[in-house]
Amino acid sequence: MDIIPNSSSDPLLNRKPAAEVLEVSAHTVWRWAKAGLLPYEPTAGGIWRYRLSHLKELKNDLQQRGQKPMADSDQAVAV
């Protein structure tokens, strides 16, 4: 898992490892972030990073609702 080092105990992940946490495609992570469903932190170079805590929270929300992540769907999950 590609974890971006920082001083926080809540690491930032690239899109691919974020997708692995959520068990969806990297494109789905990007779509959910673009739709405002998943917070991200852009780097100075414009790369989006995702906090592990936000990923786990979204995954837990989906599991509690009995929804499976939609990796191959064009629809975003309403959180």
PDB file of N, CA and C in Angstrom:
ATOM      1  N   MET A   1       0.842  -1.164   0.000  1.00  0.00           N
ATOM      2  CA  MET A   1       0.000   0.000   0.000  1.00  0.00           C
ATOM      3  C   MET A   1       0.894   1.236   0.000  1.00  0.00           C
ATOM      4  N   ASP A   2       0.651   2.152  -0.928  1.00  0.00           N
ATOM      5  CA  ASP A   2       1.437   3.382  -1.013  1.00  0.00           C
ATOM      6  C   ASP A   2       0.874   4.407  -0.045  1.00  0.00           C
ATOM      7  N   ILE A   3       1.552   4.581   1.066  1.00  0.00           N
ATOM      8  CA  ILE A   3       1.135   5.555   2.064  1.00  0.00           C
ATOM      9  C   ILE A   3       2.085   6.736   1.992  1.00  0.00           C
ATOM     10  N   ILE A   4       1.519   7.917   1.911  1.00  0.00           N
ATOM     11  CA  ILE A   4       2.318   9.129   1.845  1.00  0.00           C
ATOM     12  C   ILE A   4       2.701   9.523   3.264  1.00  0.00           C
ATOM     13  N   PRO A   5       3.992   9.611   3.565  1.00  0.00           N
ATOM     14  CA  PRO A   5       4.401   9.965   4.914  1.00  0.00           C
ATOM     15  C   PRO A   5       3.960  11.382   5.265  1.00  0.00           C
ATOM     16  N   ASN A   6       3.490  11.547   6.473  1.00  0.00           N
ATOM     17  CA  ASN A   6       3.178  12.877   7.000  1.00  0.00           C
ATOM     18  C   ASN A   6       3.236  12.794   8.512  1.00  0.00           C
ATOM     19  N   SER A   7       3.077  13.914   9.159  1.00  0.00           N
ATOM     20  CA  SER A   7       3.220  13.944  10.611  1.00  0.00           C
ATOM     21  C   SER A   7       1.966  13.470  11.328  1.00  0.00           C
ATOM     22  N   SER A   8       0.907  13.245  10.594  1.00  0.00           N
ATOM     23  CA  SER A   8      -0.363  12.853  11.189  1.00  0.00           C
ATOM     24  C   SER A   8      -0.422  11.335  11.400  1.00  0.00           C
ATOM     25  N   SER A   9      -1.251  10.939  12.356  1.00  0.00           N
ATOM     26  CA  SER A   9      -1.478   9.508  12.558  1.00  0.00           C
ATOM     27  C   SER A   9      -2.526   8.993  11.575  1.00  0.00           C
ATOM     28  N   ASP A  10      -3.061   9.875  10.754  1.00  0.00           N
ATOM     29  CA  ASP A  10      -4.054   9.523   9.743  1.00  0.00           C
ATOM     30  C   ASP A  10      -3.418   9.702   8.370  1.00  0.00           C
ATOM     31  N   PRO A  11      -2.836   8.636   7.814  1.00  0.00           N
ATOM     32  CA  PRO A  11      -2.046   8.775   6.586  1.00  0.00           C
ATOM     33  C   PRO A  11      -2.873   9.135   5.364  1.00  0.00           C
ATOM     34  N   LEU A  12      -2.196   9.719   4.388  1.00  0.00           N
ATOM     35  CA  LEU A  12      -2.768  10.028   3.085  1.00  0.00           C
ATOM     36  C   LEU A  12      -2.396   8.920   2.116  1.00  0.00           C
ATOM     37  N   LEU A  13      -3.360   8.485   1.318  1.00  0.00           N
ATOM     38  CA  LEU A  13      -3.122   7.417   0.344  1.00  0.00           C
ATOM     39  C   LEU A  13      -3.349   7.929  -1.061  1.00  0.00           C
ATOM     40  N   ASN A  14      -2.621   7.340  -2.001  1.00  0.00           N
ATOM     41  CA  ASN A  14      -2.857   7.579  -3.415  1.00  0.00           C
ATOM     42  C   ASN A  14      -4.176   6.920  -3.815  1.00  0.00           C
ATOM     43  N   ARG A  15      -4.605   7.181  -5.048  1.00  0.00           N
ATOM     44  CA  ARG A  15      -5.895   6.661  -5.512  1.00  0.00           C
ATOM     45  C   ARG A  15      -5.952   5.135  -5.549  1.00  0.00           C
ATOM     46  N   LYS A  16      -4.903   4.481  -6.018  1.00  0.00           N
ATOM     47  CA  LYS A  16      -4.942   3.015  -6.132  1.00  0.00           C
ATOM     48  C   LYS A  16      -5.051   2.332  -4.764  1.00  0.00           C
ATOM     49  N   PRO A  17      -4.227   2.699  -3.766  1.00  0.00           N
ATOM     50  CA  PRO A  17      -4.395   2.085  -2.450  1.00  0.00           C
ATOM     51  C   PRO A  17      -5.735   2.452  -1.805  1.00  0.00           C
ATOM     52  N   ALA A  18      -6.225   3.662  -2.087  1.00  0.00           N
ATOM     53  CA  ALA A  18      -7.543   4.053  -1.576  1.00  0.00           C
ATOM     54  C   ALA A  18      -8.612   3.132  -2.150  1.00  0.00           C
ATOM     55  N   ALA A  19      -8.481   2.813  -3.422  1.00  0.00           N
ATOM     56  CA  ALA A  19      -9.426   1.906  -4.073  1.00  0.00           C
ATOM     57  C   ALA A  19      -9.368   0.512  -3.446  1.00  0.00           C
ATOM     58  N   GLU A  20      -8.168   0.085  -3.071  1.00  0.00           N
ATOM     59  CA  GLU A  20      -8.029  -1.220  -2.427  1.00  0.00           C
ATOM     60  C   GLU A  20      -8.730  -1.246  -1.077  1.00  0.00           C
ATOM     61  N   VAL A  21      -8.634  -0.158  -0.325  1.00  0.00           N
ATOM     62  CA  VAL A  21      -9.311  -0.086   0.976  1.00  0.00           C
ATOM     63  C   VAL A  21     -10.823  -0.183   0.786  1.00  0.00           C
ATOM     64  N   LEU A  22     -11.341   0.537  -0.212  1.00  0.00           N
ATOM     65  CA  LEU A  22     -12.786   0.567  -0.454  1.00  0.00           C
ATOM     66  C   LEU A  22     -13.281  -0.630  -1.264  1.00  0.00           C
ATOM     67  N   GLU A  23     -12.351  -1.376  -1.845  1.00  0.00           N
ATOM     68  CA  GLU A  23     -12.682  -2.524  -2.697  1.00  0.00           C
ATOM     69  C   GLU A  23     -13.470  -2.084  -3.927  1.00  0.00           C
ATOM     70  N   VAL A  24     -13.005  -1.008  -4.542  1.00  0.00           N
ATOM     71  CA  VAL A  24     -13.573  -0.494  -5.781  1.00  0.00           C
ATOM     72  C   VAL A  24     -12.417  -0.161  -6.723  1.00  0.00           C
ATOM     73  N   SER A  25     -12.749   0.299  -7.913  1.00  0.00           N
ATOM     74  CA  SER A  25     -11.703   0.685  -8.848  1.00  0.00           C
ATOM     75  C   SER A  25     -11.152   2.069  -8.506  1.00  0.00           C
ATOM     76  N   ALA A  26      -9.964   2.355  -8.999  1.00  0.00           N
ATOM     77  CA  ALA A  26      -9.365   3.675  -8.794  1.00  0.00           C
ATOM     78  C   ALA A  26     -10.226   4.748  -9.452  1.00  0.00           C
ATOM     79  N   HIS A  27     -10.854   4.430 -10.562  1.00  0.00           N
ATOM     80  CA  HIS A  27     -11.731   5.390 -11.239  1.00  0.00           C
ATOM     81  C   HIS A  27     -12.946   5.725 -10.366  1.00  0.00           C
ATOM     82  N   THR A  28     -13.473   4.742  -9.662  1.00  0.00           N
ATOM     83  CA  THR A  28     -14.608   4.981  -8.773  1.00  0.00           C
ATOM     84  C   THR A  28     -14.211   5.920  -7.644  1.00  0.00           C
ATOM     85  N   VAL A  29     -13.025   5.740  -7.090  1.00  0.00           N
ATOM     86  CA  VAL A  29     -12.535   6.642  -6.041  1.00  0.00           C
ATOM     87  C   VAL A  29     -12.514   8.065  -6.582  1.00  0.00           C
ATOM     88  N   TRP A  30     -11.987   8.252  -7.782  1.00  0.00           N
ATOM     89  CA  TRP A  30     -11.913   9.574  -8.391  1.00  0.00           C
ATOM     90  C   TRP A  30     -13.315  10.161  -8.599  1.00  0.00           C
ATOM     91  N   ARG A  31     -14.250   9.341  -9.103  1.00  0.00           N
ATOM     92  CA  ARG A  31     -15.616   9.826  -9.340  1.00  0.00           C
ATOM     93  C   ARG A  31     -16.296  10.224  -8.039  1.00  0.00           C
ATOM     94  N   TRP A  32     -16.130   9.416  -6.979  1.00  0.00           N
ATOM     95  CA  TRP A  32     -16.752   9.737  -5.702  1.00  0.00           C
ATOM     96  C   TRP A  32     -16.168  11.017  -5.121  1.00  0.00           C
ATOM     97  N   ALA A  33     -14.862  11.207  -5.281  1.00  0.00           N
ATOM     98  CA  ALA A  33     -14.228  12.442  -4.795  1.00  0.00           C
ATOM     99  C   ALA A  33     -14.730  13.640  -5.602  1.00  0.00           C
ATOM    100  N   LYS A  34     -14.817  13.489  -6.903  1.00  0.00           N
ATOM    101  CA  LYS A  34     -15.281  14.570  -7.769  1.00  0.00           C
ATOM    102  C   LYS A  34     -16.727  14.944  -7.456  1.00  0.00           C
ATOM    103  N   ALA A  35     -17.524  13.951  -7.063  1.00  0.00           N
ATOM    104  CA  ALA A  35     -18.929  14.181  -6.730  1.00  0.00           C
ATOM    105  C   ALA A  35     -19.114  14.727  -5.314  1.00  0.00           C
ATOM    106  N   GLY A  36     -18.014  14.809  -4.545  1.00  0.00           N
ATOM    107  CA  GLY A  36     -18.095  15.332  -3.186  1.00  0.00           C
ATOM    108  C   GLY A  36     -18.442  14.295  -2.135  1.00  0.00           C
ATOM    109  N   LEU A  37     -18.420  13.027  -2.512  1.00  0.00           N
ATOM    110  CA  LEU A  37     -18.758  11.956  -1.578  1.00  0.00           C
ATOM    111  C   LEU A  37     -17.558  11.477  -0.767  1.00  0.00           C
ATOM    112  N   LEU A  38     -16.362  11.807  -1.236  1.00  0.00           N
ATOM    113  CA  LEU A  38     -15.141  11.371  -0.568  1.00  0.00           C
ATOM    114  C   LEU A  38     -14.173  12.549  -0.504  1.00  0.00           C
ATOM    115  N   PRO A  39     -13.848  13.018   0.691  1.00  0.00           N
ATOM    116  CA  PRO A  39     -12.918  14.150   0.805  1.00  0.00           C
ATOM    117  C   PRO A  39     -11.530  13.778   0.290  1.00  0.00           C
ATOM    118  N   TYR A  40     -10.861  14.755  -0.280  1.00  0.00           N
ATOM    119  CA  TYR A  40      -9.496  14.557  -0.758  1.00  0.00           C
ATOM    120  C   TYR A  40      -8.664  15.784  -0.430  1.00  0.00           C
ATOM    121  N   GLU A  41      -7.362  15.611  -0.476  1.00  0.00           N
ATOM    122  CA  GLU A  41      -6.427  16.707  -0.239  1.00  0.00           C
ATOM    123  C   GLU A  41      -5.477  16.777  -1.426  1.00  0.00           C
ATOM    124  N   PRO A  42      -5.564  17.848  -2.212  1.00  0.00           N
ATOM    125  CA  PRO A  42      -4.668  17.956  -3.359  1.00  0.00           C
ATOM    126  C   PRO A  42      -3.258  18.348  -2.940  1.00  0.00           C
ATOM    127  N   THR A  43      -2.288  17.802  -3.631  1.00  0.00           N
ATOM    128  CA  THR A  43      -0.893  18.184  -3.405  1.00  0.00           C
ATOM    129  C   THR A  43      -0.616  19.472  -4.180  1.00  0.00           C
ATOM    130  N   ALA A  44       0.563  20.033  -4.000  1.00  0.00           N
ATOM    131  CA  ALA A  44       0.954  21.228  -4.752  1.00  0.00           C
ATOM    132  C   ALA A  44       0.934  20.953  -6.258  1.00  0.00           C
ATOM    133  N   GLY A  45       1.179  19.712  -6.629  1.00  0.00           N
ATOM    134  CA  GLY A  45       1.163  19.322  -8.037  1.00  0.00           C
ATOM    135  C   GLY A  45      -0.205  18.943  -8.567  1.00  0.00           C
ATOM    136  N   GLY A  46      -1.226  19.007  -7.712  1.00  0.00           N
ATOM    137  CA  GLY A  46      -2.587  18.720  -8.140  1.00  0.00           C
ATOM    138  C   GLY A  46      -3.019  17.268  -8.008  1.00  0.00           C
ATOM    139  N   ILE A  47      -2.187  16.430  -7.416  1.00  0.00           N
ATOM    140  CA  ILE A  47      -2.548  15.021  -7.208  1.00  0.00           C
ATOM    141  C   ILE A  47      -3.461  14.922  -5.991  1.00  0.00           C
ATOM    142  N   TRP A  48      -4.528  14.166  -6.119  1.00  0.00           N
ATOM    143  CA  TRP A  48      -5.472  14.007  -5.011  1.00  0.00           C
ATOM    144  C   TRP A  48      -5.023  12.883  -4.088  1.00  0.00           C
ATOM    145  N   ARG A  49      -5.039  13.139  -2.789  1.00  0.00           N
ATOM    146  CA  ARG A  49      -4.711  12.143  -1.760  1.00  0.00           C
ATOM    147  C   ARG A  49      -5.940  11.972  -0.861  1.00  0.00           C
ATOM    148  N   TYR A  50      -6.056  10.804  -0.290  1.00  0.00           N
ATOM    149  CA  TYR A  50      -7.236  10.444   0.500  1.00  0.00           C
ATOM    150  C   TYR A  50      -6.816   9.990   1.892  1.00  0.00           C
ATOM    151  N   ARG A  51      -7.448  10.532   2.920  1.00  0.00           N
ATOM    152  CA  ARG A  51      -7.150  10.145   4.297  1.00  0.00           C
ATOM    153  C   ARG A  51      -7.728   8.755   4.562  1.00  0.00           C
ATOM    154  N   LEU A  52      -6.921   7.930   5.208  1.00  0.00           N
ATOM    155  CA  LEU A  52      -7.341   6.574   5.532  1.00  0.00           C
ATOM    156  C   LEU A  52      -8.607   6.583   6.384  1.00  0.00           C
ATOM    157  N   SER A  53      -8.720   7.506   7.316  1.00  0.00           N
ATOM    158  CA  SER A  53      -9.913   7.562   8.176  1.00  0.00           C
ATOM    159  C   SER A  53     -11.174   7.840   7.366  1.00  0.00           C
ATOM    160  N   HIS A  54     -11.086   8.683   6.338  1.00  0.00           N
ATOM    161  CA  HIS A  54     -12.254   8.973   5.496  1.00  0.00           C
ATOM    162  C   HIS A  54     -12.645   7.743   4.690  1.00  0.00           C
ATOM    163  N   LEU A  55     -11.653   7.016   4.219  1.00  0.00           N
ATOM    164  CA  LEU A  55     -11.923   5.808   3.452  1.00  0.00           C
ATOM    165  C   LEU A  55     -12.621   4.757   4.315  1.00  0.00           C
ATOM    166  N   LYS A  56     -12.108   4.573   5.533  1.00  0.00           N
ATOM    167  CA  LYS A  56     -12.706   3.585   6.435  1.00  0.00           C
ATOM    168  C   LYS A  56     -14.123   3.989   6.823  1.00  0.00           C
ATOM    169  N   GLU A  57     -14.342   5.281   7.024  1.00  0.00           N
ATOM    170  CA  GLU A  57     -15.675   5.769   7.383  1.00  0.00           C
ATOM    171  C   GLU A  57     -16.672   5.511   6.259  1.00  0.00           C
ATOM    172  N   LEU A  58     -16.280   5.801   5.021  1.00  0.00           N
ATOM    173  CA  LEU A  58     -17.160   5.548   3.884  1.00  0.00           C
ATOM    174  C   LEU A  58     -17.438   4.059   3.730  1.00  0.00           C
ATOM    175  N   LYS A  59     -16.416   3.251   3.879  1.00  0.00           N
ATOM    176  CA  LYS A  59     -16.598   1.799   3.751  1.00  0.00           C
ATOM    177  C   LYS A  59     -17.554   1.279   4.832  1.00  0.00           C
ATOM    178  N   ASN A  60     -17.391   1.761   6.068  1.00  0.00           N
ATOM    179  CA  ASN A  60     -18.291   1.350   7.149  1.00  0.00           C
ATOM    180  C   ASN A  60     -19.721   1.789   6.881  1.00  0.00           C
ATOM    181  N   ASP A  61     -19.897   3.015   6.384  1.00  0.00           N
ATOM    182  CA  ASP A  61     -21.234   3.503   6.050  1.00  0.00           C
ATOM    183  C   ASP A  61     -21.899   2.619   5.010  1.00  0.00           C
ATOM    184  N   LEU A  62     -21.151   2.243   3.984  1.00  0.00           N
ATOM    185  CA  LEU A  62     -21.693   1.385   2.935  1.00  0.00           C
ATOM    186  C   LEU A  62     -22.072   0.015   3.491  1.00  0.00           C
ATOM    187  N   GLN A  63     -21.224  -0.536   4.342  1.00  0.00           N
ATOM    188  CA  GLN A  63     -21.494  -1.849   4.920  1.00  0.00           C
ATOM    189  C   GLN A  63     -22.707  -1.816   5.839  1.00  0.00           C
ATOM    190  N   GLN A  64     -22.857  -0.749   6.623  1.00  0.00           N
ATOM    191  CA  GLN A  64     -23.998  -0.638   7.523  1.00  0.00           C
ATOM    192  C   GLN A  64     -25.306  -0.518   6.761  1.00  0.00           C
ATOM    193  N   ARG A  65     -25.261   0.091   5.604  1.00  0.00           N
ATOM    194  CA  ARG A  65     -26.463   0.239   4.781  1.00  0.00           C
ATOM    195  C   ARG A  65     -26.739  -1.016   3.960  1.00  0.00           C
ATOM    196  N   GLY A  66     -25.834  -1.966   4.043  1.00  0.00           N
ATOM    197  CA  GLY A  66     -25.995  -3.200   3.287  1.00  0.00           C
ATOM    198  C   GLY A  66     -25.729  -3.016   1.812  1.00  0.00           C
ATOM    199  N   GLN A  67     -24.996  -1.961   1.467  1.00  0.00           N
ATOM    200  CA  GLN A  67     -24.674  -1.691   0.073  1.00  0.00           C
ATOM    201  C   GLN A  67     -23.268  -2.165  -0.221  1.00  0.00           C
ATOM    202  N   LYS A  68     -23.109  -2.688  -1.394  1.00  0.00           N
ATOM    203  CA  LYS A  68     -21.777  -3.054  -1.846  1.00  0.00           C
ATOM    204  C   LYS A  68     -21.243  -1.895  -2.672  1.00  0.00           C
ATOM    205  N   PRO A  69     -19.960  -1.612  -2.580  1.00  0.00           N
ATOM    206  CA  PRO A  69     -19.389  -0.568  -3.416  1.00  0.00           C
ATOM    207  C   PRO A  69     -19.627  -0.891  -4.893  1.00  0.00           C
ATOM    208  N   MET A  70     -19.889   0.140  -5.681  1.00  0.00           N
ATOM    209  CA  MET A  70     -20.202  -0.041  -7.090  1.00  0.00           C
ATOM    210  C   MET A  70     -18.980   0.273  -7.942  1.00  0.00           C
ATOM    211  N   ALA A  71     -18.067  -0.662  -8.025  1.00  0.00           N
ATOM    212  CA  ALA A  71     -16.797  -0.417  -8.711  1.00  0.00           C
ATOM    213  C   ALA A  71     -16.981  -0.191 -10.202  1.00  0.00           C
ATOM    214  N   ASP A  72     -17.925  -0.867 -10.806  1.00  0.00           N
ATOM    215  CA  ASP A  72     -18.070  -0.793 -12.257  1.00  0.00           C
ATOM    216  C   ASP A  72     -19.294   0.000 -12.680  1.00  0.00           C
ATOM    217  N   SER A  73     -19.929   0.672 -11.747  1.00  0.00           N
ATOM    218  CA  SER A  73     -21.124   1.433 -12.045  1.00  0.00           C
ATOM    219  C   SER A  73     -20.784   2.901 -12.277  1.00  0.00           C
ATOM    220  N   ASP A  74     -21.608   3.590 -13.042  1.00  0.00           N
ATOM    221  CA  ASP A  74     -21.414   5.016 -13.261  1.00  0.00           C
ATOM    222  C   ASP A  74     -22.159   5.831 -12.214  1.00  0.00           C
ATOM    223  N   GLN A  75     -22.890   5.173 -11.328  1.00  0.00           N
ATOM    224  CA  GLN A  75     -23.627   5.888 -10.302  1.00  0.00           C
ATOM    225  C   GLN A  75     -22.757   6.055  -9.064  1.00  0.00           C
ATOM    226  N   ALA A  76     -22.919   7.170  -8.414  1.00  0.00           N
ATOM    227  CA  ALA A  76     -22.205   7.401  -7.155  1.00  0.00           C
ATOM    228  C   ALA A  76     -23.092   6.970  -5.998  1.00  0.00           C
ATOM    229  N   VAL A  77     -22.466   6.566  -4.925  1.00  0.00           N
ATOM    230  CA  VAL A  77     -23.195   6.160  -3.730  1.00  0.00           C
ATOM    231  C   VAL A  77     -23.507   7.403  -2.925  1.00  0.00           C
ATOM    232  N   ALA A  78     -24.764   7.567  -2.543  1.00  0.00           N
ATOM    233  CA  ALA A  78     -25.151   8.699  -1.702  1.00  0.00           C
ATOM    234  C   ALA A  78     -24.830   8.370  -0.253  1.00  0.00           C
ATOM    235  N   VAL A  79     -23.998   9.193   0.356  1.00  0.00           N
ATOM    236  CA  VAL A  79     -23.582   8.954   1.743  1.00  0.00           C
ATOM    237  C   VAL A  79     -24.231   9.976   2.633  1.00  0.00           C
TER     238      VAL A  79
END
